Amino acid sequence: MDRYLRSLDDGVFDEEWARAFHTEDVTAEMPIGTVHGRDALLAHIRRGMALFDRTVHLGTNAVIEVDGDRATARGAQLSTHVLADGSDGPLDHSCVP
């Protein structure tokens, strides 16, 4: 999970690496919405990251539960985002499904 969050802050989102990290049937539940499926999740991340000039994602309290061939990962995240257009107005969440 730390490598995943770190990949968001490296300047260029490595979609191929993230594709290998997430299963095809991934479900991501976030405060701003829930996304089902790897392609939908990666498109969501790509659209979201395009809004920012730079980001810092800090993750903690990771708990990964394995049940056979399935796993559930949970954790806390604190994110700081600098908008790409330099504005200080409200963030347009149109990238949220």
C-alpha atoms as a PDB file:
ATOM      1  CA  MET A   1       0.000   0.000   0.000  1.00  0.00           C
ATOM      2  CA  ASP A   2       2.870   2.354   0.735  1.00  0.00           C
ATOM      3  CA  ARG A   3       4.376   1.730  -2.713  1.00  0.00           C
ATOM      4  CA  TYR A   4       1.001   2.426  -4.296  1.00  0.00           C
ATOM      5  CA  LEU A   5       0.551   5.756  -2.474  1.00  0.00           C
ATOM      6  CA  ARG A   6       4.160   6.675  -3.234  1.00  0.00           C
ATOM      7  CA  SER A   7       3.549   5.980  -6.931  1.00  0.00           C
ATOM      8  CA  LEU A   8       0.877   8.684  -6.927  1.00  0.00           C
ATOM      9  CA  ASP A   9       3.441  11.261  -5.810  1.00  0.00           C
ATOM     10  CA  ASP A  10       6.271  10.352  -8.189  1.00  0.00           C
ATOM     11  CA  GLY A  11       5.105  12.834 -10.826  1.00  0.00           C
ATOM     12  CA  VAL A  12       4.029  10.363 -13.498  1.00  0.00           C
ATOM     13  CA  PHE A  13       1.359   7.861 -12.526  1.00  0.00           C
ATOM     14  CA  ASP A  14       2.632   4.430 -13.611  1.00  0.00           C
ATOM     15  CA  GLU A  15      -0.587   2.899 -14.894  1.00  0.00           C
ATOM     16  CA  GLU A  16       1.053  -0.360 -16.013  1.00  0.00           C
ATOM     17  CA  TRP A  17       2.444  -0.940 -12.523  1.00  0.00           C
ATOM     18  CA  ALA A  18      -0.936  -0.106 -10.977  1.00  0.00           C
ATOM     19  CA  ARG A  19      -2.630  -2.485 -13.424  1.00  0.00           C
ATOM     20  CA  ALA A  20      -0.462  -5.303 -12.043  1.00  0.00           C
ATOM     21  CA  PHE A  21      -1.157  -4.176  -8.470  1.00  0.00           C
ATOM     22  CA  HIS A  22      -4.984  -4.280  -8.714  1.00  0.00           C
ATOM     23  CA  THR A  23      -7.092  -7.304  -9.626  1.00  0.00           C
ATOM     24  CA  GLU A  24      -9.482  -7.041 -12.542  1.00  0.00           C
ATOM     25  CA  ASP A  25     -12.495  -7.104 -10.185  1.00  0.00           C
ATOM     26  CA  VAL A  26     -11.127  -4.611  -7.624  1.00  0.00           C
ATOM     27  CA  THR A  27     -13.549  -2.451  -5.649  1.00  0.00           C
ATOM     28  CA  ALA A  28     -12.157   0.758  -4.165  1.00  0.00           C
ATOM     29  CA  GLU A  29     -14.254   2.484  -1.504  1.00  0.00           C
ATOM     30  CA  MET A  30     -13.210   6.062  -0.849  1.00  0.00           C
ATOM     31  CA  PRO A  31     -14.890   9.002   0.902  1.00  0.00           C
ATOM     32  CA  ILE A  32     -15.587  10.545  -2.520  1.00  0.00           C
ATOM     33  CA  GLY A  33     -17.149   7.422  -3.999  1.00  0.00           C
ATOM     34  CA  THR A  34     -16.844   3.745  -4.825  1.00  0.00           C
ATOM     35  CA  VAL A  35     -15.282   2.437  -8.024  1.00  0.00           C
ATOM     36  CA  HIS A  36     -15.715  -1.124  -9.349  1.00  0.00           C
ATOM     37  CA  GLY A  37     -13.257  -2.760 -11.741  1.00  0.00           C
ATOM     38  CA  ARG A  38      -9.580  -2.196 -12.496  1.00  0.00           C
ATOM     39  CA  ASP A  39     -10.133  -0.221 -15.709  1.00  0.00           C
ATOM     40  CA  ALA A  40     -12.656   2.082 -14.003  1.00  0.00           C
ATOM     41  CA  LEU A  41     -10.352   2.579 -11.011  1.00  0.00           C
ATOM     42  CA  LEU A  42      -7.331   3.421 -13.162  1.00  0.00           C
ATOM     43  CA  ALA A  43      -9.385   5.835 -15.281  1.00  0.00           C
ATOM     44  CA  HIS A  44     -10.635   7.458 -12.057  1.00  0.00           C
ATOM     45  CA  ILE A  45      -7.084   7.840 -10.743  1.00  0.00           C
ATOM     46  CA  ARG A  46      -5.795   9.158 -14.087  1.00  0.00           C
ATOM     47  CA  ARG A  47      -8.544  11.824 -14.236  1.00  0.00           C
ATOM     48  CA  GLY A  48      -8.012  12.774 -10.608  1.00  0.00           C
ATOM     49  CA  MET A  49      -4.232  13.025 -10.796  1.00  0.00           C
ATOM     50  CA  ALA A  50      -4.490  15.220 -13.918  1.00  0.00           C
ATOM     51  CA  LEU A  51      -6.084  17.898 -11.723  1.00  0.00           C
ATOM     52  CA  PHE A  52      -2.950  18.335  -9.617  1.00  0.00           C
ATOM     53  CA  ASP A  53       0.490  19.846 -10.106  1.00  0.00           C
ATOM     54  CA  ARG A  54       1.867  17.824  -7.202  1.00  0.00           C
ATOM     55  CA  THR A  55       0.597  15.642  -4.377  1.00  0.00           C
ATOM     56  CA  VAL A  56       1.665  14.072  -1.106  1.00  0.00           C
ATOM     57  CA  HIS A  57      -0.160  10.936   0.072  1.00  0.00           C
ATOM     58  CA  LEU A  58       0.606   9.627   3.556  1.00  0.00           C
ATOM     59  CA  GLY A  59      -0.804   6.227   4.505  1.00  0.00           C
ATOM     60  CA  THR A  60      -0.924   4.531   7.879  1.00  0.00           C
ATOM     61  CA  ASN A  61      -2.650   1.791   9.850  1.00  0.00           C
ATOM     62  CA  ALA A  62      -2.661  -0.625   6.907  1.00  0.00           C
ATOM     63  CA  VAL A  63      -4.470  -3.873   7.605  1.00  0.00           C
ATOM     64  CA  ILE A  64      -4.590  -6.572   4.944  1.00  0.00           C
ATOM     65  CA  GLU A  65      -6.875  -9.549   5.507  1.00  0.00           C
ATOM     66  CA  VAL A  66      -6.413 -12.609   3.291  1.00  0.00           C
ATOM     67  CA  ASP A  67      -9.269 -15.066   2.764  1.00  0.00           C
ATOM     68  CA  GLY A  68      -8.291 -17.787   0.296  1.00  0.00           C
ATOM     69  CA  ASP A  69      -7.560 -16.108  -3.037  1.00  0.00           C
ATOM     70  CA  ARG A  70      -9.124 -12.797  -1.947  1.00  0.00           C
ATOM     71  CA  ALA A  71      -7.667  -9.967   0.110  1.00  0.00           C
ATOM     72  CA  THR A  72      -9.082  -6.836   1.664  1.00  0.00           C
ATOM     73  CA  ALA A  73      -6.768  -3.898   2.357  1.00  0.00           C
ATOM     74  CA  ARG A  74      -7.792  -1.040   4.624  1.00  0.00           C
ATOM     75  CA  GLY A  75      -5.864   1.938   5.844  1.00  0.00           C
ATOM     76  CA  ALA A  76      -5.948   5.624   6.655  1.00  0.00           C
ATOM     77  CA  GLN A  77      -4.707   8.222   4.227  1.00  0.00           C
ATOM     78  CA  LEU A  78      -3.928  11.918   4.463  1.00  0.00           C
ATOM     79  CA  SER A  79      -3.477  13.639   1.109  1.00  0.00           C
ATOM     80  CA  THR A  80      -2.283  17.106   0.161  1.00  0.00           C
ATOM     81  CA  HIS A  81      -2.952  18.284  -3.397  1.00  0.00           C
ATOM     82  CA  VAL A  82      -1.785  21.377  -5.276  1.00  0.00           C
ATOM     83  CA  LEU A  83      -4.175  22.162  -8.142  1.00  0.00           C
ATOM     84  CA  ALA A  84      -2.543  22.244 -11.560  1.00  0.00           C
ATOM     85  CA  ASP A  85      -4.197  25.520 -12.561  1.00  0.00           C
ATOM     86  CA  GLY A  86      -2.898  27.317  -9.444  1.00  0.00           C
ATOM     87  CA  SER A  87      -6.387  28.249  -8.269  1.00  0.00           C
ATOM     88  CA  ASP A  88      -7.404  28.159  -4.648  1.00  0.00           C
ATOM     89  CA  GLY A  89     -11.094  27.643  -5.402  1.00  0.00           C
ATOM     90  CA  PRO A  90     -13.156  24.553  -4.652  1.00  0.00           C
ATOM     91  CA  LEU A  91     -12.097  21.312  -6.294  1.00  0.00           C
ATOM     92  CA  ASP A  92     -14.384  20.113  -9.083  1.00  0.00           C
ATOM     93  CA  HIS A  93     -15.155  16.482  -8.248  1.00  0.00           C
ATOM     94  CA  SER A  94     -16.392  15.753 -11.772  1.00  0.00           C
ATOM     95  CA  CYS A  95     -13.784  12.995 -11.989  1.00  0.00           C
ATOM     96  CA  VAL A  96     -15.708  11.058  -9.341  1.00  0.00           C
ATOM     97  CA  PRO A  97     -17.931   8.380 -10.841  1.00  0.00           C
END
